[in-house]
Amino acid sequence: MTTLLSNNRPPAPVNVSVMHLRADSATVSWEVPEGDIIIGFSISQQRMDGKMQRFIREVNTTSRSCVLWDLEEETDYIIQVQSIGLYGESQASKRIHFRTLKKTDRFPSNSSNQDDPTVQGLDKARHLQTGEMIIIVVVLLMWAAVIALFCRQYDIIKDNDSSNSKEKVKPSSERSTPEHHSGGLLRSKFHQSVPSINIIEV
C-alpha cells in the first residue's frame, strides 16, 4: 500500500527561483510537470542559521508563485517547494538559497512583475502620478491660453479706444485751423486793400 501511494505522489516542482527581492519580502516561483493532478503547494522557508523555520501550505490553487513576508533584512534563507496531490505530497524541490536586501538598497531593475501584488500597487501609484501630472500640465496650458486671449482682446479694445478718441479730437482741430488761417488771411487782405492816404498840409 505504501508503495502504491508513493507511486501516485506528484513530481516535485522544478525551476524554483526567487524574484522581487526586498529587505522584508521576496517572491518564490516554480513550475510543475504537465499531466499530474496538483491541488496545492507547500513552501518551506528556513533561515540559514536554523533559528527559524516556516511552512506555508496552500491548497485548491493553481498559482505557481508565493510571496514571503516578514523577512529580516540582510539575512540568508533557504526555501523548498512541494506539490500537493490527491494522494499526498511530492518530494521537496532543490534547496534554493537567497539573501534579503538592505532597507536602503534600491530594488533591482528586473523586480517588476504583474504577479506581485506589491509591485502592482507601486505601478498603479506611478500611473496615477503620471496621470495627475498630465492633467495639471493640460490645465496650466489652458489657463495660459485663456490669459493670452484675454490680453490680446484687452490690447485690441485699448487700441480701438485710443483711435476713437483721436478721431473725436481731430475734427475740432481741423475746424479751428482754417478759421485761424482764414481769419489771418482776411485780416491781411483787409490791411492790404486799405489805400494809403497822404495828408498834405497847406
N, C-alpha and C. Protein backbone atom coordinates (compact mmCIF):
# COMPACT_ATOMS: atom_id res chain seq x y z
N MET A 1 0.83 -1.20 0.00
CA MET A 1 0.00 0.00 0.00
C MET A 1 0.86 1.25 0.00
N THR A 2 1.94 1.23 0.80
CA THR A 2 2.85 2.37 0.85
C THR A 2 3.51 2.59 -0.50
N THR A 3 3.88 1.51 -1.17
CA THR A 3 4.50 1.64 -2.49
C THR A 3 3.53 2.25 -3.48
N LEU A 4 2.24 1.87 -3.40
CA LEU A 4 1.24 2.41 -4.31
C LEU A 4 1.06 3.91 -4.09
N LEU A 5 1.02 4.30 -2.82
CA LEU A 5 0.88 5.72 -2.52
C LEU A 5 2.08 6.51 -3.00
N SER A 6 3.28 5.94 -2.82
CA SER A 6 4.48 6.64 -3.24
C SER A 6 4.53 6.77 -4.75
N ASN A 7 3.99 5.80 -5.46
CA ASN A 7 3.98 5.89 -6.92
C ASN A 7 2.97 6.92 -7.41
N ASN A 8 1.91 7.16 -6.63
CA ASN A 8 0.89 8.13 -7.02
C ASN A 8 1.20 9.55 -6.56
N ARG A 9 2.29 9.73 -5.88
CA ARG A 9 2.66 11.07 -5.43
C ARG A 9 3.08 11.91 -6.63
N PRO A 10 2.72 13.19 -6.63
CA PRO A 10 3.07 14.04 -7.78
C PRO A 10 4.57 14.30 -7.79
N PRO A 11 5.08 14.69 -8.96
CA PRO A 11 6.51 15.01 -9.04
C PRO A 11 6.82 16.32 -8.33
N ALA A 12 8.05 16.45 -7.94
CA ALA A 12 8.48 17.67 -7.25
C ALA A 12 8.50 18.85 -8.22
N PRO A 13 8.22 20.05 -7.73
CA PRO A 13 8.31 21.24 -8.58
C PRO A 13 9.73 21.44 -9.11
N VAL A 14 9.82 22.08 -10.26
CA VAL A 14 11.11 22.34 -10.90
C VAL A 14 11.23 23.83 -11.18
N ASN A 15 12.44 24.24 -11.55
CA ASN A 15 12.74 25.64 -11.88
C ASN A 15 12.29 26.61 -10.77
N VAL A 16 12.59 26.24 -9.55
CA VAL A 16 12.27 27.12 -8.42
C VAL A 16 13.23 28.31 -8.44
N SER A 17 12.68 29.49 -8.32
CA SER A 17 13.51 30.70 -8.35
C SER A 17 12.92 31.75 -7.42
N VAL A 18 13.74 32.71 -7.06
CA VAL A 18 13.34 33.81 -6.17
C VAL A 18 13.43 35.11 -6.95
N MET A 19 12.35 35.89 -6.89
CA MET A 19 12.29 37.18 -7.60
C MET A 19 11.86 38.27 -6.63
N HIS A 20 11.98 39.51 -7.09
CA HIS A 20 11.49 40.67 -6.35
C HIS A 20 12.06 40.71 -4.92
N LEU A 21 13.36 40.57 -4.82
CA LEU A 21 14.00 40.62 -3.50
C LEU A 21 13.88 42.02 -2.91
N ARG A 22 13.49 42.06 -1.65
CA ARG A 22 13.44 43.30 -0.90
C ARG A 22 14.04 43.05 0.49
N ALA A 23 13.98 44.07 1.32
CA ALA A 23 14.55 43.91 2.66
C ALA A 23 13.69 43.00 3.52
N ASP A 24 12.36 42.99 3.30
CA ASP A 24 11.48 42.21 4.17
C ASP A 24 10.55 41.26 3.40
N SER A 25 10.77 41.07 2.11
CA SER A 25 9.90 40.18 1.34
C SER A 25 10.63 39.66 0.11
N ALA A 26 10.06 38.60 -0.44
CA ALA A 26 10.58 38.01 -1.67
C ALA A 26 9.47 37.16 -2.29
N THR A 27 9.55 36.92 -3.58
CA THR A 27 8.55 36.11 -4.28
C THR A 27 9.21 34.85 -4.82
N VAL A 28 8.61 33.71 -4.49
CA VAL A 28 9.10 32.42 -4.95
C VAL A 28 8.21 31.94 -6.08
N SER A 29 8.81 31.47 -7.16
CA SER A 29 8.04 30.92 -8.27
C SER A 29 8.61 29.56 -8.66
N TRP A 30 7.77 28.73 -9.30
CA TRP A 30 8.18 27.39 -9.68
C TRP A 30 7.33 26.90 -10.83
N GLU A 31 7.67 25.74 -11.35
CA GLU A 31 6.92 25.09 -12.41
C GLU A 31 6.64 23.64 -12.01
N VAL A 32 5.58 23.08 -12.61
CA VAL A 32 5.18 21.70 -12.32
C VAL A 32 5.05 20.95 -13.64
N PRO A 33 5.58 19.75 -13.75
CA PRO A 33 5.42 18.97 -14.98
C PRO A 33 3.94 18.75 -15.30
N GLU A 34 3.61 18.76 -16.59
CA GLU A 34 2.23 18.59 -17.02
C GLU A 34 1.77 17.14 -16.84
N GLY A 35 0.46 16.96 -16.73
CA GLY A 35 -0.13 15.63 -16.68
C GLY A 35 -0.45 15.12 -15.30
N ASP A 36 -0.02 15.81 -14.26
CA ASP A 36 -0.30 15.37 -12.90
C ASP A 36 -1.34 16.28 -12.26
N ILE A 37 -2.19 15.69 -11.45
CA ILE A 37 -3.23 16.45 -10.76
C ILE A 37 -2.62 17.08 -9.51
N ILE A 38 -2.56 18.40 -9.50
CA ILE A 38 -1.99 19.14 -8.38
C ILE A 38 -3.11 19.97 -7.75
N ILE A 39 -3.26 19.84 -6.45
CA ILE A 39 -4.32 20.60 -5.76
C ILE A 39 -3.75 21.70 -4.86
N GLY A 40 -2.43 21.78 -4.75
CA GLY A 40 -1.85 22.81 -3.92
C GLY A 40 -0.35 22.67 -3.82
N PHE A 41 0.23 23.50 -2.96
CA PHE A 41 1.68 23.50 -2.81
C PHE A 41 2.03 23.77 -1.35
N SER A 42 3.24 23.35 -1.00
CA SER A 42 3.76 23.57 0.34
C SER A 42 5.16 24.17 0.22
N ILE A 43 5.37 25.32 0.87
CA ILE A 43 6.66 26.01 0.79
C ILE A 43 7.32 25.97 2.16
N SER A 44 8.56 25.54 2.19
CA SER A 44 9.35 25.52 3.42
C SER A 44 10.36 26.64 3.37
N GLN A 45 10.30 27.52 4.39
CA GLN A 45 11.20 28.68 4.46
C GLN A 45 12.00 28.57 5.75
N GLN A 46 13.32 28.65 5.64
CA GLN A 46 14.17 28.48 6.82
C GLN A 46 15.37 29.41 6.72
N ARG A 47 15.73 29.99 7.84
CA ARG A 47 16.93 30.81 7.88
C ARG A 47 18.15 29.92 7.79
N MET A 48 19.21 30.49 7.22
CA MET A 48 20.42 29.70 7.03
C MET A 48 21.01 29.25 8.36
N ASP A 49 20.86 30.11 9.40
CA ASP A 49 21.42 29.73 10.71
C ASP A 49 20.53 28.76 11.46
N GLY A 50 19.37 28.43 10.89
CA GLY A 50 18.49 27.43 11.50
C GLY A 50 17.66 27.94 12.65
N LYS A 51 17.65 29.25 12.91
CA LYS A 51 16.91 29.78 14.05
C LYS A 51 15.40 29.80 13.84
N MET A 52 14.96 29.89 12.59
CA MET A 52 13.53 29.99 12.34
C MET A 52 13.17 29.20 11.10
N GLN A 53 12.06 28.50 11.19
CA GLN A 53 11.57 27.74 10.05
C GLN A 53 10.07 27.95 9.93
N ARG A 54 9.59 28.13 8.71
CA ARG A 54 8.18 28.40 8.48
C ARG A 54 7.68 27.53 7.33
N PHE A 55 6.45 27.04 7.49
CA PHE A 55 5.82 26.25 6.43
C PHE A 55 4.57 26.99 5.93
N ILE A 56 4.49 27.15 4.64
CA ILE A 56 3.32 27.78 4.03
C ILE A 56 2.64 26.72 3.17
N ARG A 57 1.38 26.43 3.48
CA ARG A 57 0.65 25.38 2.77
C ARG A 57 -0.58 26.00 2.11
N GLU A 58 -0.67 25.87 0.81
CA GLU A 58 -1.79 26.41 0.06
C GLU A 58 -2.42 25.30 -0.78
N VAL A 59 -3.73 25.12 -0.59
CA VAL A 59 -4.45 24.09 -1.36
C VAL A 59 -5.56 24.76 -2.17
N ASN A 60 -6.11 23.99 -3.11
CA ASN A 60 -7.16 24.50 -4.01
C ASN A 60 -6.69 25.75 -4.74
N THR A 61 -5.49 25.68 -5.27
CA THR A 61 -4.93 26.82 -6.00
C THR A 61 -4.14 26.32 -7.20
N THR A 62 -4.11 27.12 -8.22
CA THR A 62 -3.30 26.81 -9.40
C THR A 62 -2.13 27.78 -9.53
N SER A 63 -1.94 28.60 -8.51
CA SER A 63 -0.87 29.58 -8.55
C SER A 63 0.48 28.88 -8.54
N ARG A 64 1.44 29.47 -9.23
CA ARG A 64 2.79 28.92 -9.28
C ARG A 64 3.78 29.90 -8.66
N SER A 65 3.30 30.68 -7.71
CA SER A 65 4.19 31.62 -7.03
C SER A 65 3.63 31.92 -5.64
N CYS A 66 4.49 32.42 -4.78
CA CYS A 66 4.08 32.74 -3.41
C CYS A 66 4.97 33.87 -2.90
N VAL A 67 4.36 34.84 -2.20
CA VAL A 67 5.10 35.97 -1.64
C VAL A 67 5.45 35.64 -0.19
N LEU A 68 6.71 35.77 0.15
CA LEU A 68 7.19 35.55 1.51
C LEU A 68 7.30 36.90 2.20
N TRP A 69 6.58 37.05 3.32
CA TRP A 69 6.56 38.32 4.04
C TRP A 69 7.33 38.20 5.35
N ASP A 70 7.50 39.35 6.00
CA ASP A 70 8.11 39.43 7.34
C ASP A 70 9.50 38.81 7.37
N LEU A 71 10.28 39.04 6.34
CA LEU A 71 11.66 38.58 6.34
C LEU A 71 12.55 39.63 6.99
N GLU A 72 13.71 39.21 7.43
CA GLU A 72 14.66 40.13 8.05
C GLU A 72 15.67 40.59 7.01
N GLU A 73 16.06 41.84 7.10
CA GLU A 73 16.99 42.39 6.12
C GLU A 73 18.37 41.77 6.26
N GLU A 74 19.06 41.66 5.13
CA GLU A 74 20.41 41.10 5.06
C GLU A 74 20.50 39.75 5.77
N THR A 75 19.56 38.90 5.47
CA THR A 75 19.51 37.57 6.10
C THR A 75 19.45 36.51 5.00
N ASP A 76 20.18 35.40 5.24
CA ASP A 76 20.20 34.28 4.29
C ASP A 76 19.07 33.32 4.60
N TYR A 77 18.36 32.91 3.55
CA TYR A 77 17.24 31.97 3.69
C TYR A 77 17.40 30.81 2.70
N ILE A 78 16.77 29.71 3.05
CA ILE A 78 16.71 28.53 2.18
C ILE A 78 15.24 28.16 2.02
N ILE A 79 14.81 27.90 0.80
CA ILE A 79 13.42 27.52 0.56
C ILE A 79 13.37 26.23 -0.26
N GLN A 80 12.30 25.49 -0.05
CA GLN A 80 12.00 24.31 -0.84
C GLN A 80 10.49 24.26 -1.08
N VAL A 81 10.08 23.72 -2.22
CA VAL A 81 8.67 23.68 -2.59
C VAL A 81 8.26 22.24 -2.84
N GLN A 82 7.05 21.88 -2.39
CA GLN A 82 6.48 20.55 -2.63
C GLN A 82 5.11 20.70 -3.29
N SER A 83 4.79 19.77 -4.17
CA SER A 83 3.46 19.72 -4.79
C SER A 83 2.55 18.87 -3.94
N ILE A 84 1.29 19.27 -3.83
CA ILE A 84 0.29 18.51 -3.08
C ILE A 84 -0.67 17.89 -4.08
N GLY A 85 -0.73 16.57 -4.09
CA GLY A 85 -1.62 15.85 -5.00
C GLY A 85 -2.76 15.19 -4.23
N LEU A 86 -3.54 14.39 -4.96
CA LEU A 86 -4.66 13.70 -4.32
C LEU A 86 -4.21 12.64 -3.34
N TYR A 87 -3.01 12.12 -3.51
CA TYR A 87 -2.55 11.02 -2.66
C TYR A 87 -1.33 11.41 -1.83
N GLY A 88 -1.14 12.69 -1.59
CA GLY A 88 -0.04 13.11 -0.74
C GLY A 88 0.81 14.18 -1.38
N GLU A 89 1.94 14.43 -0.75
CA GLU A 89 2.85 15.47 -1.21
C GLU A 89 4.02 14.85 -1.96
N SER A 90 4.60 15.66 -2.84
CA SER A 90 5.77 15.21 -3.59
C SER A 90 7.02 15.35 -2.74
N GLN A 91 8.10 14.90 -3.29
CA GLN A 91 9.38 15.16 -2.64
C GLN A 91 9.69 16.65 -2.74
N ALA A 92 10.52 17.11 -1.86
CA ALA A 92 10.88 18.53 -1.86
C ALA A 92 11.75 18.86 -3.06
N SER A 93 11.60 20.06 -3.54
CA SER A 93 12.42 20.51 -4.66
C SER A 93 13.85 20.75 -4.20
N LYS A 94 14.67 21.16 -5.11
CA LYS A 94 16.04 21.51 -4.75
C LYS A 94 16.04 22.69 -3.79
N ARG A 95 17.04 22.74 -2.94
CA ARG A 95 17.15 23.83 -1.98
C ARG A 95 17.64 25.09 -2.72
N ILE A 96 16.90 26.16 -2.51
CA ILE A 96 17.25 27.43 -3.15
C ILE A 96 17.66 28.42 -2.06
N HIS A 97 18.82 29.02 -2.25
CA HIS A 97 19.33 29.99 -1.28
C HIS A 97 19.15 31.40 -1.82
N PHE A 98 18.77 32.34 -0.94
CA PHE A 98 18.71 33.76 -1.32
C PHE A 98 18.99 34.61 -0.09
N ARG A 99 19.35 35.86 -0.31
CA ARG A 99 19.67 36.80 0.77
C ARG A 99 18.86 38.07 0.55
N THR A 100 18.22 38.53 1.61
CA THR A 100 17.41 39.75 1.51
C THR A 100 18.32 40.97 1.42
N LEU A 101 17.73 42.08 0.97
CA LEU A 101 18.48 43.31 0.77
C LEU A 101 18.48 44.18 2.02
N LYS A 102 19.28 45.25 1.97
CA LYS A 102 19.21 46.28 3.00
C LYS A 102 17.97 47.15 2.73
N LYS A 103 17.52 47.81 3.76
CA LYS A 103 16.38 48.71 3.59
C LYS A 103 16.73 49.92 2.72
N THR A 104 18.02 50.27 2.70
CA THR A 104 18.45 51.42 1.90
C THR A 104 18.73 51.04 0.46
N ASP A 105 18.82 49.75 0.15
CA ASP A 105 19.11 49.34 -1.22
C ASP A 105 17.92 49.60 -2.11
N ARG A 106 18.22 49.93 -3.35
CA ARG A 106 17.15 50.12 -4.33
C ARG A 106 16.75 48.77 -4.89
N PHE A 107 15.51 48.70 -5.36
CA PHE A 107 15.01 47.46 -5.92
C PHE A 107 15.74 47.17 -7.24
N PRO A 108 16.00 45.92 -7.54
CA PRO A 108 16.61 45.59 -8.83
C PRO A 108 15.71 45.99 -9.98
N SER A 109 16.34 46.25 -11.13
CA SER A 109 15.58 46.71 -12.30
C SER A 109 14.62 45.65 -12.81
N ASN A 110 14.92 44.36 -12.57
CA ASN A 110 14.05 43.29 -13.06
C ASN A 110 13.02 42.86 -12.03
N SER A 111 12.74 43.73 -11.05
CA SER A 111 11.83 43.35 -9.97
C SER A 111 10.37 43.65 -10.29
N SER A 112 10.09 44.16 -11.48
CA SER A 112 8.70 44.46 -11.83
C SER A 112 8.04 43.23 -12.41
N ASN A 113 6.96 42.80 -11.79
CA ASN A 113 6.23 41.65 -12.28
C ASN A 113 4.76 41.87 -11.94
N GLN A 114 3.89 41.60 -12.89
CA GLN A 114 2.47 41.82 -12.67
C GLN A 114 1.88 40.86 -11.63
N ASP A 115 2.57 39.74 -11.38
CA ASP A 115 2.03 38.77 -10.41
C ASP A 115 2.28 39.19 -8.98
N ASP A 116 3.16 40.16 -8.76
CA ASP A 116 3.49 40.58 -7.41
C ASP A 116 2.54 41.69 -6.98
N PRO A 117 1.71 41.46 -5.93
CA PRO A 117 0.76 42.49 -5.53
C PRO A 117 1.42 43.77 -5.07
N THR A 118 2.62 43.66 -4.45
CA THR A 118 3.31 44.86 -4.01
C THR A 118 3.72 45.71 -5.19
N VAL A 119 4.26 45.06 -6.22
CA VAL A 119 4.67 45.79 -7.41
C VAL A 119 3.47 46.34 -8.15
N GLN A 120 2.36 45.61 -8.12
CA GLN A 120 1.15 46.12 -8.76
C GLN A 120 0.73 47.44 -8.12
N GLY A 121 0.79 47.51 -6.79
CA GLY A 121 0.43 48.74 -6.11
C GLY A 121 1.37 49.88 -6.46
N LEU A 122 2.68 49.57 -6.57
CA LEU A 122 3.64 50.60 -6.95
C LEU A 122 3.38 51.09 -8.36
N ASP A 123 3.10 50.15 -9.28
CA ASP A 123 2.82 50.53 -10.66
C ASP A 123 1.59 51.41 -10.74
N LYS A 124 0.53 51.06 -9.98
CA LYS A 124 -0.67 51.88 -10.00
C LYS A 124 -0.38 53.28 -9.48
N ALA A 125 0.46 53.37 -8.44
CA ALA A 125 0.80 54.68 -7.91
C ALA A 125 1.57 55.50 -8.94
N ARG A 126 2.50 54.82 -9.67
CA ARG A 126 3.24 55.55 -10.70
C ARG A 126 2.31 56.04 -11.79
N HIS A 127 1.38 55.15 -12.26
CA HIS A 127 0.44 55.56 -13.31
C HIS A 127 -0.43 56.71 -12.82
N LEU A 128 -0.84 56.65 -11.56
CA LEU A 128 -1.68 57.71 -11.02
C LEU A 128 -0.93 59.03 -10.99
N GLN A 129 0.33 58.99 -10.56
CA GLN A 129 1.11 60.21 -10.52
C GLN A 129 1.32 60.77 -11.93
N THR A 130 1.58 59.89 -12.88
CA THR A 130 1.77 60.35 -14.26
C THR A 130 0.50 60.98 -14.79
N GLY A 131 -0.65 60.34 -14.53
CA GLY A 131 -1.93 60.90 -14.98
C GLY A 131 -2.21 62.25 -14.35
N GLU A 132 -1.91 62.39 -13.07
CA GLU A 132 -2.12 63.67 -12.40
C GLU A 132 -1.23 64.75 -13.00
N MET A 133 0.02 64.41 -13.33
CA MET A 133 0.91 65.40 -13.91
C MET A 133 0.40 65.84 -15.28
N ILE A 134 -0.12 64.91 -16.07
CA ILE A 134 -0.66 65.26 -17.39
C ILE A 134 -1.84 66.20 -17.23
N ILE A 135 -2.73 65.90 -16.28
CA ILE A 135 -3.90 66.76 -16.06
C ILE A 135 -3.45 68.16 -15.64
N ILE A 136 -2.48 68.24 -14.74
CA ILE A 136 -2.00 69.53 -14.27
C ILE A 136 -1.41 70.34 -15.42
N VAL A 137 -0.61 69.67 -16.27
CA VAL A 137 0.00 70.37 -17.41
C VAL A 137 -1.07 70.88 -18.36
N VAL A 138 -2.08 70.05 -18.63
CA VAL A 138 -3.16 70.48 -19.54
C VAL A 138 -3.91 71.67 -18.98
N VAL A 139 -4.20 71.64 -17.67
CA VAL A 139 -4.92 72.76 -17.04
C VAL A 139 -4.09 74.03 -17.11
N LEU A 140 -2.79 73.91 -16.85
CA LEU A 140 -1.93 75.10 -16.92
C LEU A 140 -1.87 75.66 -18.33
N LEU A 141 -1.79 74.79 -19.32
CA LEU A 141 -1.77 75.27 -20.70
C LEU A 141 -3.08 75.97 -21.06
N MET A 142 -4.21 75.41 -20.59
CA MET A 142 -5.49 76.04 -20.86
C MET A 142 -5.57 77.42 -20.21
N TRP A 143 -5.09 77.54 -18.98
CA TRP A 143 -5.10 78.84 -18.30
C TRP A 143 -4.20 79.82 -19.04
N ALA A 144 -3.04 79.36 -19.50
CA ALA A 144 -2.14 80.24 -20.24
C ALA A 144 -2.79 80.73 -21.52
N ALA A 145 -3.52 79.83 -22.22
CA ALA A 145 -4.20 80.22 -23.44
C ALA A 145 -5.30 81.25 -23.14
N VAL A 146 -6.04 81.03 -22.06
CA VAL A 146 -7.10 81.98 -21.70
C VAL A 146 -6.52 83.35 -21.36
N ILE A 147 -5.43 83.36 -20.60
CA ILE A 147 -4.81 84.64 -20.23
C ILE A 147 -4.27 85.35 -21.47
N ALA A 148 -3.63 84.59 -22.38
CA ALA A 148 -3.11 85.20 -23.61
C ALA A 148 -4.24 85.78 -24.45
N LEU A 149 -5.35 85.05 -24.55
CA LEU A 149 -6.50 85.54 -25.31
C LEU A 149 -7.09 86.80 -24.68
N PHE A 150 -7.17 86.81 -23.36
CA PHE A 150 -7.68 87.99 -22.64
C PHE A 150 -6.79 89.21 -22.88
N CYS A 151 -5.47 89.00 -22.80
CA CYS A 151 -4.54 90.11 -23.02
C CYS A 151 -4.65 90.63 -24.45
N ARG A 152 -4.82 89.73 -25.40
CA ARG A 152 -4.95 90.15 -26.79
C ARG A 152 -6.23 90.96 -26.99
N GLN A 153 -7.33 90.47 -26.43
CA GLN A 153 -8.59 91.21 -26.54
C GLN A 153 -8.48 92.57 -25.85
N TYR A 154 -7.78 92.61 -24.72
CA TYR A 154 -7.61 93.88 -23.99
C TYR A 154 -6.82 94.88 -24.83
N ASP A 155 -5.77 94.41 -25.51
CA ASP A 155 -4.98 95.29 -26.36
C ASP A 155 -5.81 95.81 -27.52
N ILE A 156 -6.65 94.94 -28.12
CA ILE A 156 -7.49 95.37 -29.24
C ILE A 156 -8.47 96.44 -28.77
N ILE A 157 -9.11 96.22 -27.62
CA ILE A 157 -10.06 97.20 -27.08
C ILE A 157 -9.35 98.51 -26.77
N LYS A 158 -8.16 98.43 -26.22
CA LYS A 158 -7.40 99.63 -25.88
C LYS A 158 -7.03 100.41 -27.13
N ASP A 159 -6.59 99.67 -28.17
CA ASP A 159 -6.26 100.34 -29.43
C ASP A 159 -7.49 101.01 -30.04
N ASN A 160 -8.63 100.35 -30.00
CA ASN A 160 -9.86 100.93 -30.54
C ASN A 160 -10.26 102.21 -29.78
N ASP A 161 -10.13 102.17 -28.48
CA ASP A 161 -10.48 103.34 -27.67
C ASP A 161 -9.57 104.52 -28.00
N SER A 162 -8.28 104.28 -28.14
CA SER A 162 -7.35 105.37 -28.43
C SER A 162 -7.57 105.93 -29.82
N SER A 163 -7.88 105.06 -30.80
CA SER A 163 -8.14 105.55 -32.15
C SER A 163 -9.44 106.36 -32.20
N ASN A 164 -10.45 105.91 -31.46
CA ASN A 164 -11.71 106.65 -31.41
C ASN A 164 -11.52 108.03 -30.78
N SER A 165 -10.75 108.12 -29.74
CA SER A 165 -10.52 109.41 -29.09
C SER A 165 -9.76 110.35 -30.01
N LYS A 166 -8.83 109.81 -30.81
CA LYS A 166 -8.10 110.65 -31.76
C LYS A 166 -9.03 111.18 -32.83
N GLU A 167 -9.93 110.33 -33.31
CA GLU A 167 -10.87 110.76 -34.34
C GLU A 167 -11.81 111.85 -33.81
N LYS A 168 -12.19 111.76 -32.55
CA LYS A 168 -13.06 112.79 -31.98
C LYS A 168 -12.35 114.13 -31.84
N VAL A 169 -11.10 114.10 -31.51
CA VAL A 169 -10.35 115.33 -31.32
C VAL A 169 -9.97 115.96 -32.65
N LYS A 170 -9.75 115.17 -33.68
CA LYS A 170 -9.25 115.66 -34.96
C LYS A 170 -10.18 116.66 -35.64
N PRO A 171 -11.51 116.45 -35.75
CA PRO A 171 -12.36 117.42 -36.44
C PRO A 171 -12.33 118.80 -35.81
N SER A 172 -12.31 118.91 -34.51
CA SER A 172 -12.30 120.21 -33.86
C SER A 172 -11.03 120.97 -34.21
N SER A 173 -9.91 120.25 -34.27
CA SER A 173 -8.66 120.91 -34.62
C SER A 173 -8.67 121.35 -36.07
N GLU A 174 -9.27 120.49 -36.92
CA GLU A 174 -9.35 120.85 -38.33
C GLU A 174 -10.22 122.10 -38.52
N ARG A 175 -11.32 122.18 -37.72
CA ARG A 175 -12.19 123.36 -37.85
C ARG A 175 -11.50 124.62 -37.34
N SER A 176 -10.74 124.50 -36.30
CA SER A 176 -10.11 125.68 -35.73
C SER A 176 -8.98 126.20 -36.60
N THR A 177 -8.31 125.30 -37.24
CA THR A 177 -7.16 125.72 -38.04
C THR A 177 -7.56 126.58 -39.22
N PRO A 178 -8.59 126.15 -40.05
CA PRO A 178 -8.97 127.01 -41.17
C PRO A 178 -9.47 128.36 -40.71
N GLU A 179 -10.26 128.38 -39.62
CA GLU A 179 -10.77 129.66 -39.15
C GLU A 179 -9.64 130.59 -38.81
N HIS A 180 -8.62 130.00 -38.16
CA HIS A 180 -7.49 130.84 -37.76
C HIS A 180 -6.77 131.36 -38.99
N HIS A 181 -6.56 130.42 -39.92
CA HIS A 181 -5.84 130.82 -41.12
C HIS A 181 -6.68 131.78 -41.95
N SER A 182 -8.01 131.47 -42.06
CA SER A 182 -8.86 132.35 -42.86
C SER A 182 -8.94 133.74 -42.22
N GLY A 183 -9.08 133.71 -40.89
CA GLY A 183 -9.13 134.99 -40.20
C GLY A 183 -7.85 135.78 -40.46
N GLY A 184 -6.75 135.07 -40.37
CA GLY A 184 -5.49 135.73 -40.61
C GLY A 184 -5.41 136.24 -42.03
N LEU A 185 -5.89 135.44 -43.00
CA LEU A 185 -5.84 135.86 -44.39
C LEU A 185 -6.74 137.06 -44.62
N LEU A 186 -7.95 137.01 -44.00
CA LEU A 186 -8.87 138.14 -44.17
C LEU A 186 -8.26 139.42 -43.61
N ARG A 187 -7.64 139.26 -42.44
CA ARG A 187 -7.04 140.46 -41.84
C ARG A 187 -5.91 140.99 -42.70
N SER A 188 -5.16 140.07 -43.24
CA SER A 188 -4.05 140.53 -44.07
C SER A 188 -4.54 141.16 -45.34
N LYS A 189 -5.61 140.59 -45.95
CA LYS A 189 -6.19 141.18 -47.15
C LYS A 189 -6.80 142.54 -46.83
N PHE A 190 -7.44 142.62 -45.69
CA PHE A 190 -8.06 143.89 -45.31
C PHE A 190 -7.01 144.98 -45.20
N HIS A 191 -5.92 144.66 -44.57
CA HIS A 191 -4.86 145.65 -44.41
C HIS A 191 -4.27 146.01 -45.73
N GLN A 192 -4.19 145.08 -46.63
CA GLN A 192 -3.61 145.37 -47.93
C GLN A 192 -4.56 146.21 -48.78
N SER A 193 -5.88 146.03 -48.67
CA SER A 193 -6.85 146.73 -49.51
C SER A 193 -7.07 148.19 -49.09
N VAL A 194 -6.74 148.53 -47.87
CA VAL A 194 -6.94 149.91 -47.43
C VAL A 194 -5.91 150.79 -48.13
N PRO A 195 -6.36 151.74 -48.90
CA PRO A 195 -5.38 152.62 -49.61
C PRO A 195 -4.67 153.52 -48.63
N SER A 196 -3.51 153.81 -48.97
CA SER A 196 -2.73 154.74 -48.12
C SER A 196 -3.11 156.17 -48.45
N ILE A 197 -3.36 156.96 -47.47
CA ILE A 197 -3.76 158.38 -47.66
C ILE A 197 -2.63 159.27 -47.22
N ASN A 198 -2.22 160.03 -48.11
CA ASN A 198 -1.16 161.01 -47.78
C ASN A 198 -1.80 162.35 -47.42
N ILE A 199 -1.51 162.85 -46.30
CA ILE A 199 -2.07 164.14 -45.86
C ILE A 199 -1.08 165.23 -46.20
N ILE A 200 -1.58 166.18 -46.96
CA ILE A 200 -0.71 167.30 -47.35
C ILE A 200 -1.17 168.55 -46.60
N GLU A 201 -0.29 169.08 -45.88
CA GLU A 201 -0.64 170.29 -45.13
C GLU A 201 -0.48 171.49 -46.04
N VAL A 202 -1.48 172.36 -45.97
CA VAL A 202 -1.44 173.57 -46.79
C VAL A 202 -0.86 174.69 -45.93
